[in-house]
């Protein structure tokens, strides 16, 4: 896909409005995507924290979540064995160190993706600001021309 450069100062106000609307929609989409990535990062970090907490805990009793607000008492069978979700509904049994590595790798990937999204958002915001400035200039010029004709 080749990109063409367009001199936005040569566009009509209606075209500038369309570009601004499109850019605002893109910014909204990328912002939502960034929020979803940050939520996923938070959940993965919770997994790492849970592994750390399990290793440091002394007791064998715990509460097992059945729903968001219903817990049942349970006992830990093996403290250093975890079922790790590796994607698309597949789970693999791992020890604590290996499980932590899996989650750290996913966290790193999400961090890289979030960084790229932030860069895109900066670019889109610059485009939006430039389009808005040119649009304001054109509207002011139009108003001055109308006042000059009167």
Foldseek 3Di string as FASTA:
>chain_A
DDDDDDDLLPDDLVVLVVLLVVLVVVLVVLVVVLVVLVVVLVVLVVVLVVLVVLVPDDAQWDWDDPDPPDTDIDGHPDSFWDFADQDPPHTDIDGSVVNNVSSVVVSVVSVVVSVVSVVVSVVSVVVSVVSVVSSVVVVVVVVVVVVVVD
